[in-house]
Amino acid sequence: MTVMDKYLLVVVVFLITGIPIAFINPVTGKLLEHPIIPLFYASIGGISVIILYSSYKDRKQKQKDNLKRRSKK
């Protein structure tokens, strides 16, 4: 796990904790009458972007590794 992966993991944890905060008042613990919808969708969008970026980065790394392996023969 690289340093960038660790940073992304921390960001994902913060985004995941933001989802319930959009629906629950942190002070009283009761459900909000009007949930904070932009916070909810921003959290979902951020998590999606991080997952897509991680899979893209892994795919590029696998392609590079396969190219190295093929060129050694």
PDB file of N, CA and C in Angstrom:
ATOM      1  N   MET A   1       0.853  -1.173   0.000  1.00  0.00           N
ATOM      2  CA  MET A   1       0.000   0.000   0.000  1.00  0.00           C
ATOM      3  C   MET A   1       0.897   1.234   0.000  1.00  0.00           C
ATOM      4  N   THR A   2       0.707   2.091  -0.984  1.00  0.00           N
ATOM      5  CA  THR A   2       1.534   3.282  -1.099  1.00  0.00           C
ATOM      6  C   THR A   2       0.982   4.394  -0.207  1.00  0.00           C
ATOM      7  N   VAL A   3       1.744   5.462  -0.129  1.00  0.00           N
ATOM      8  CA  VAL A   3       1.334   6.598   0.695  1.00  0.00           C
ATOM      9  C   VAL A   3       0.050   7.214   0.146  1.00  0.00           C
ATOM     10  N   MET A   4      -0.055   7.291  -1.176  1.00  0.00           N
ATOM     11  CA  MET A   4      -1.255   7.864  -1.781  1.00  0.00           C
ATOM     12  C   MET A   4      -2.484   7.016  -1.459  1.00  0.00           C
ATOM     13  N   ASP A   5      -2.330   5.696  -1.460  1.00  0.00           N
ATOM     14  CA  ASP A   5      -3.449   4.827  -1.112  1.00  0.00           C
ATOM     15  C   ASP A   5      -3.902   5.059   0.322  1.00  0.00           C
ATOM     16  N   LYS A   6      -2.961   5.301   1.218  1.00  0.00           N
ATOM     17  CA  LYS A   6      -3.318   5.574   2.612  1.00  0.00           C
ATOM     18  C   LYS A   6      -4.092   6.878   2.735  1.00  0.00           C
ATOM     19  N   TYR A   7      -3.663   7.899   1.984  1.00  0.00           N
ATOM     20  CA  TYR A   7      -4.382   9.170   2.008  1.00  0.00           C
ATOM     21  C   TYR A   7      -5.796   9.004   1.466  1.00  0.00           C
ATOM     22  N   LEU A   8      -5.918   8.248   0.382  1.00  0.00           N
ATOM     23  CA  LEU A   8      -7.242   8.024  -0.192  1.00  0.00           C
ATOM     24  C   LEU A   8      -8.133   7.245   0.763  1.00  0.00           C
ATOM     25  N   LEU A   9      -7.562   6.314   1.502  1.00  0.00           N
ATOM     26  CA  LEU A   9      -8.335   5.549   2.478  1.00  0.00           C
ATOM     27  C   LEU A   9      -8.866   6.464   3.581  1.00  0.00           C
ATOM     28  N   VAL A  10      -8.045   7.391   4.032  1.00  0.00           N
ATOM     29  CA  VAL A  10      -8.476   8.344   5.062  1.00  0.00           C
ATOM     30  C   VAL A  10      -9.600   9.230   4.518  1.00  0.00           C
ATOM     31  N   VAL A  11      -9.472   9.676   3.274  1.00  0.00           N
ATOM     32  CA  VAL A  11     -10.505  10.514   2.673  1.00  0.00           C
ATOM     33  C   VAL A  11     -11.810   9.732   2.549  1.00  0.00           C
ATOM     34  N   VAL A  12     -11.729   8.470   2.159  1.00  0.00           N
ATOM     35  CA  VAL A  12     -12.939   7.646   2.043  1.00  0.00           C
ATOM     36  C   VAL A  12     -13.613   7.485   3.401  1.00  0.00           C
ATOM     37  N   VAL A  13     -12.835   7.314   4.444  1.00  0.00           N
ATOM     38  CA  VAL A  13     -13.416   7.187   5.788  1.00  0.00           C
ATOM     39  C   VAL A  13     -14.175   8.462   6.159  1.00  0.00           C
ATOM     40  N   PHE A  14     -13.591   9.614   5.861  1.00  0.00           N
ATOM     41  CA  PHE A  14     -14.287  10.869   6.156  1.00  0.00           C
ATOM     42  C   PHE A  14     -15.552  11.018   5.312  1.00  0.00           C
ATOM     43  N   LEU A  15     -15.495  10.591   4.064  1.00  0.00           N
ATOM     44  CA  LEU A  15     -16.685  10.674   3.220  1.00  0.00           C
ATOM     45  C   LEU A  15     -17.777   9.732   3.715  1.00  0.00           C
ATOM     46  N   ILE A  16     -17.389   8.545   4.169  1.00  0.00           N
ATOM     47  CA  ILE A  16     -18.372   7.597   4.690  1.00  0.00           C
ATOM     48  C   ILE A  16     -19.025   8.135   5.967  1.00  0.00           C
ATOM     49  N   THR A  17     -18.247   8.786   6.816  1.00  0.00           N
ATOM     50  CA  THR A  17     -18.842   9.346   8.035  1.00  0.00           C
ATOM     51  C   THR A  17     -19.723  10.559   7.719  1.00  0.00           C
ATOM     52  N   GLY A  18     -19.524  11.177   6.562  1.00  0.00           N
ATOM     53  CA  GLY A  18     -20.356  12.313   6.176  1.00  0.00           C
ATOM     54  C   GLY A  18     -21.757  11.914   5.760  1.00  0.00           C
ATOM     55  N   ILE A  19     -21.920  10.676   5.324  1.00  0.00           N
ATOM     56  CA  ILE A  19     -23.244  10.230   4.862  1.00  0.00           C
ATOM     57  C   ILE A  19     -24.267  10.252   5.998  1.00  0.00           C
ATOM     58  N   PRO A  20     -23.997   9.646   7.165  1.00  0.00           N
ATOM     59  CA  PRO A  20     -25.007   9.728   8.235  1.00  0.00           C
ATOM     60  C   PRO A  20     -25.181  11.144   8.785  1.00  0.00           C
ATOM     61  N   ILE A  21     -24.130  11.937   8.736  1.00  0.00           N
ATOM     62  CA  ILE A  21     -24.228  13.319   9.236  1.00  0.00           C
ATOM     63  C   ILE A  21     -25.232  14.111   8.400  1.00  0.00           C
ATOM     64  N   ALA A  22     -25.408  13.729   7.137  1.00  0.00           N
ATOM     65  CA  ALA A  22     -26.372  14.419   6.276  1.00  0.00           C
ATOM     66  C   ALA A  22     -27.805  14.199   6.749  1.00  0.00           C
ATOM     67  N   PHE A  23     -28.058  13.122   7.479  1.00  0.00           N
ATOM     68  CA  PHE A  23     -29.417  12.799   7.899  1.00  0.00           C
ATOM     69  C   PHE A  23     -29.647  12.940   9.398  1.00  0.00           C
ATOM     70  N   ILE A  24     -28.595  12.946  10.194  1.00  0.00           N
ATOM     71  CA  ILE A  24     -28.725  12.982  11.655  1.00  0.00           C
ATOM     72  C   ILE A  24     -28.064  14.248  12.180  1.00  0.00           C
ATOM     73  N   ASN A  25     -28.730  14.910  13.099  1.00  0.00           N
ATOM     74  CA  ASN A  25     -28.173  16.087  13.741  1.00  0.00           C
ATOM     75  C   ASN A  25     -27.067  15.631  14.700  1.00  0.00           C
ATOM     76  N   PRO A  26     -25.820  16.065  14.501  1.00  0.00           N
ATOM     77  CA  PRO A  26     -24.731  15.599  15.352  1.00  0.00           C
ATOM     78  C   PRO A  26     -24.860  16.035  16.808  1.00  0.00           C
ATOM     79  N   VAL A  27     -25.573  17.112  17.065  1.00  0.00           N
ATOM     80  CA  VAL A  27     -25.702  17.627  18.428  1.00  0.00           C
ATOM     81  C   VAL A  27     -26.736  16.824  19.220  1.00  0.00           C
ATOM     82  N   THR A  28     -27.925  16.641  18.630  1.00  0.00           N
ATOM     83  CA  THR A  28     -28.999  15.973  19.365  1.00  0.00           C
ATOM     84  C   THR A  28     -29.092  14.482  19.066  1.00  0.00           C
ATOM     85  N   GLY A  29     -28.623  14.058  17.910  1.00  0.00           N
ATOM     86  CA  GLY A  29     -28.705  12.653  17.539  1.00  0.00           C
ATOM     87  C   GLY A  29     -30.037  12.270  16.920  1.00  0.00           C
ATOM     88  N   LYS A  30     -30.880  13.245  16.669  1.00  0.00           N
ATOM     89  CA  LYS A  30     -32.190  12.971  16.070  1.00  0.00           C
ATOM     90  C   LYS A  30     -32.110  13.202  14.558  1.00  0.00           C
ATOM     91  N   LEU A  31     -33.065  12.595  13.857  1.00  0.00           N
ATOM     92  CA  LEU A  31     -33.123  12.785  12.410  1.00  0.00           C
ATOM     93  C   LEU A  31     -33.458  14.230  12.076  1.00  0.00           C
ATOM     94  N   LEU A  32     -32.837  14.733  11.040  1.00  0.00           N
ATOM     95  CA  LEU A  32     -33.123  16.088  10.585  1.00  0.00           C
ATOM     96  C   LEU A  32     -34.424  16.110   9.791  1.00  0.00           C
ATOM     97  N   GLU A  33     -35.209  17.194   9.954  1.00  0.00           N
ATOM     98  CA  GLU A  33     -36.434  17.331   9.162  1.00  0.00           C
ATOM     99  C   GLU A  33     -36.091  17.492   7.690  1.00  0.00           C
ATOM    100  N   HIS A  34     -35.079  18.312   7.420  1.00  0.00           N
ATOM    101  CA  HIS A  34     -34.616  18.534   6.057  1.00  0.00           C
ATOM    102  C   HIS A  34     -33.155  18.079   5.974  1.00  0.00           C
ATOM    103  N   PRO A  35     -32.936  16.872   5.472  1.00  0.00           N
ATOM    104  CA  PRO A  35     -31.552  16.375   5.401  1.00  0.00           C
ATOM    105  C   PRO A  35     -30.691  17.241   4.484  1.00  0.00           C
ATOM    106  N   ILE A  36     -29.415  17.189   4.709  1.00  0.00           N
ATOM    107  CA  ILE A  36     -28.456  17.951   3.916  1.00  0.00           C
ATOM    108  C   ILE A  36     -28.116  17.099   2.686  1.00  0.00           C
ATOM    109  N   ILE A  37     -28.926  17.231   1.670  1.00  0.00           N
ATOM    110  CA  ILE A  37     -28.804  16.405   0.469  1.00  0.00           C
ATOM    111  C   ILE A  37     -27.487  16.659  -0.273  1.00  0.00           C
ATOM    112  N   PRO A  38     -27.011  17.910  -0.403  1.00  0.00           N
ATOM    113  CA  PRO A  38     -25.723  18.092  -1.101  1.00  0.00           C
ATOM    114  C   PRO A  38     -24.560  17.363  -0.413  1.00  0.00           C
ATOM    115  N   LEU A  39     -24.568  17.299   0.910  1.00  0.00           N
ATOM    116  CA  LEU A  39     -23.512  16.570   1.623  1.00  0.00           C
ATOM    117  C   LEU A  39     -23.583  15.083   1.313  1.00  0.00           C
ATOM    118  N   PHE A  40     -24.796  14.543   1.259  1.00  0.00           N
ATOM    119  CA  PHE A  40     -24.973  13.126   0.953  1.00  0.00           C
ATOM    120  C   PHE A  40     -24.453  12.810  -0.444  1.00  0.00           C
ATOM    121  N   TYR A  41     -24.885  13.574  -1.430  1.00  0.00           N
ATOM    122  CA  TYR A  41     -24.470  13.293  -2.807  1.00  0.00           C
ATOM    123  C   TYR A  41     -22.993  13.596  -3.035  1.00  0.00           C
ATOM    124  N   ALA A  42     -22.454  14.594  -2.354  1.00  0.00           N
ATOM    125  CA  ALA A  42     -21.021  14.869  -2.474  1.00  0.00           C
ATOM    126  C   ALA A  42     -20.207  13.703  -1.910  1.00  0.00           C
ATOM    127  N   SER A  43     -20.670  13.121  -0.818  1.00  0.00           N
ATOM    128  CA  SER A  43     -19.981  11.966  -0.243  1.00  0.00           C
ATOM    129  C   SER A  43     -20.036  10.769  -1.181  1.00  0.00           C
ATOM    130  N   ILE A  44     -21.203  10.498  -1.734  1.00  0.00           N
ATOM    131  CA  ILE A  44     -21.349   9.384  -2.674  1.00  0.00           C
ATOM    132  C   ILE A  44     -20.483   9.623  -3.911  1.00  0.00           C
ATOM    133  N   GLY A  45     -20.503  10.834  -4.427  1.00  0.00           N
ATOM    134  CA  GLY A  45     -19.688  11.166  -5.601  1.00  0.00           C
ATOM    135  C   GLY A  45     -18.199  11.049  -5.326  1.00  0.00           C
ATOM    136  N   GLY A  46     -17.772  11.526  -4.158  1.00  0.00           N
ATOM    137  CA  GLY A  46     -16.353  11.434  -3.804  1.00  0.00           C
ATOM    138  C   GLY A  46     -15.888  10.004  -3.656  1.00  0.00           C
ATOM    139  N   ILE A  47     -16.716   9.171  -3.040  1.00  0.00           N
ATOM    140  CA  ILE A  47     -16.372   7.761  -2.893  1.00  0.00           C
ATOM    141  C   ILE A  47     -16.279   7.106  -4.270  1.00  0.00           C
ATOM    142  N   SER A  48     -17.203   7.438  -5.158  1.00  0.00           N
ATOM    143  CA  SER A  48     -17.191   6.870  -6.509  1.00  0.00           C
ATOM    144  C   SER A  48     -15.931   7.277  -7.265  1.00  0.00           C
ATOM    145  N   VAL A  49     -15.554   8.536  -7.161  1.00  0.00           N
ATOM    146  CA  VAL A  49     -14.358   9.016  -7.850  1.00  0.00           C
ATOM    147  C   VAL A  49     -13.116   8.313  -7.326  1.00  0.00           C
ATOM    148  N   ILE A  50     -13.017   8.142  -6.025  1.00  0.00           N
ATOM    149  CA  ILE A  50     -11.850   7.483  -5.452  1.00  0.00           C
ATOM    150  C   ILE A  50     -11.785   6.023  -5.881  1.00  0.00           C
ATOM    151  N   ILE A  51     -12.922   5.335  -5.918  1.00  0.00           N
ATOM    152  CA  ILE A  51     -12.940   3.936  -6.363  1.00  0.00           C
ATOM    153  C   ILE A  51     -12.540   3.844  -7.829  1.00  0.00           C
ATOM    154  N   LEU A  52     -13.075   4.725  -8.670  1.00  0.00           N
ATOM    155  CA  LEU A  52     -12.709   4.717 -10.089  1.00  0.00           C
ATOM    156  C   LEU A  52     -11.231   5.017 -10.295  1.00  0.00           C
ATOM    157  N   TYR A  53     -10.706   5.993  -9.561  1.00  0.00           N
ATOM    158  CA  TYR A  53      -9.295   6.339  -9.680  1.00  0.00           C
ATOM    159  C   TYR A  53      -8.398   5.175  -9.247  1.00  0.00           C
ATOM    160  N   SER A  54      -8.760   4.518  -8.153  1.00  0.00           N
ATOM    161  CA  SER A  54      -7.961   3.393  -7.658  1.00  0.00           C
ATOM    162  C   SER A  54      -7.957   2.236  -8.653  1.00  0.00           C
ATOM    163  N   SER A  55      -9.120   1.942  -9.239  1.00  0.00           N
ATOM    164  CA  SER A  55      -9.170   0.849 -10.205  1.00  0.00           C
ATOM    165  C   SER A  55      -8.403   1.215 -11.476  1.00  0.00           C
ATOM    166  N   TYR A  56      -8.467   2.472 -11.893  1.00  0.00           N
ATOM    167  CA  TYR A  56      -7.701   2.928 -13.062  1.00  0.00           C
ATOM    168  C   TYR A  56      -6.205   2.800 -12.805  1.00  0.00           C
ATOM    169  N   LYS A  57      -5.778   3.208 -11.621  1.00  0.00           N
ATOM    170  CA  LYS A  57      -4.356   3.147 -11.276  1.00  0.00           C
ATOM    171  C   LYS A  57      -3.872   1.696 -11.215  1.00  0.00           C
ATOM    172  N   ASP A  58      -4.687   0.810 -10.646  1.00  0.00           N
ATOM    173  CA  ASP A  58      -4.327  -0.610 -10.584  1.00  0.00           C
ATOM    174  C   ASP A  58      -4.244  -1.221 -11.976  1.00  0.00           C
ATOM    175  N   ARG A  59      -5.173  -0.866 -12.846  1.00  0.00           N
ATOM    176  CA  ARG A  59      -5.163  -1.397 -14.206  1.00  0.00           C
ATOM    177  C   ARG A  59      -3.913  -0.953 -14.950  1.00  0.00           C
ATOM    178  N   LYS A  60      -3.529   0.312 -14.799  1.00  0.00           N
ATOM    179  CA  LYS A  60      -2.312   0.811 -15.450  1.00  0.00           C
ATOM    180  C   LYS A  60      -1.078   0.097 -14.906  1.00  0.00           C
ATOM    181  N   GLN A  61      -1.054  -0.159 -13.609  1.00  0.00           N
ATOM    182  CA  GLN A  61       0.088  -0.862 -13.010  1.00  0.00           C
ATOM    183  C   GLN A  61       0.176  -2.298 -13.528  1.00  0.00           C
ATOM    184  N   LYS A  62      -0.962  -2.969 -13.670  1.00  0.00           N
ATOM    185  CA  LYS A  62      -0.964  -4.334 -14.210  1.00  0.00           C
ATOM    186  C   LYS A  62      -0.491  -4.350 -15.653  1.00  0.00           C
ATOM    187  N   GLN A  63      -0.904  -3.359 -16.447  1.00  0.00           N
ATOM    188  CA  GLN A  63      -0.444  -3.287 -17.830  1.00  0.00           C
ATOM    189  C   GLN A  63       1.066  -3.105 -17.888  1.00  0.00           C
ATOM    190  N   LYS A  64       1.599  -2.254 -17.002  1.00  0.00           N
ATOM    191  CA  LYS A  64       3.041  -2.018 -16.964  1.00  0.00           C
ATOM    192  C   LYS A  64       3.777  -3.289 -16.554  1.00  0.00           C
ATOM    193  N   ASP A  65       3.250  -3.995 -15.570  1.00  0.00           N
ATOM    194  CA  ASP A  65       3.876  -5.239 -15.122  1.00  0.00           C
ATOM    195  C   ASP A  65       3.843  -6.299 -16.213  1.00  0.00           C
ATOM    196  N   ASN A  66       2.733  -6.409 -16.929  1.00  0.00           N
ATOM    197  CA  ASN A  66       2.634  -7.382 -18.026  1.00  0.00           C
ATOM    198  C   ASN A  66       3.596  -7.036 -19.150  1.00  0.00           C
ATOM    199  N   LEU A  67       3.766  -5.772 -19.433  1.00  0.00           N
ATOM    200  CA  LEU A  67       4.704  -5.351 -20.474  1.00  0.00           C
ATOM    201  C   LEU A  67       6.130  -5.712 -20.089  1.00  0.00           C
ATOM    202  N   LYS A  68       6.499  -5.501 -18.815  1.00  0.00           N
ATOM    203  CA  LYS A  68       7.836  -5.864 -18.339  1.00  0.00           C
ATOM    204  C   LYS A  68       8.053  -7.366 -18.436  1.00  0.00           C
ATOM    205  N   ARG A  69       7.025  -8.131 -18.054  1.00  0.00           N
ATOM    206  CA  ARG A  69       7.144  -9.586 -18.055  1.00  0.00           C
ATOM    207  C   ARG A  69       7.298 -10.104 -19.486  1.00  0.00           C
ATOM    208  N   ARG A  70       6.557  -9.538 -20.415  1.00  0.00           N
ATOM    209  CA  ARG A  70       6.647  -9.979 -21.812  1.00  0.00           C
ATOM    210  C   ARG A  70       7.977  -9.591 -22.441  1.00  0.00           C
ATOM    211  N   SER A  71       8.514  -8.446 -22.083  1.00  0.00           N
ATOM    212  CA  SER A  71       9.749  -7.976 -22.703  1.00  0.00           C
ATOM    213  C   SER A  71      10.978  -8.750 -22.217  1.00  0.00           C
ATOM    214  N   LYS A  72      10.886  -9.421 -21.093  1.00  0.00           N
ATOM    215  CA  LYS A  72      12.025 -10.188 -20.560  1.00  0.00           C
ATOM    216  C   LYS A  72      12.265 -11.466 -21.339  1.00  0.00           C
ATOM    217  N   LYS A  73      11.273 -11.974 -22.054  1.00  0.00           N
ATOM    218  CA  LYS A  73      11.427 -13.237 -22.787  1.00  0.00           C
ATOM    219  C   LYS A  73      12.282 -13.101 -24.001  1.00  0.00           C
TER     220      LYS A  73
END
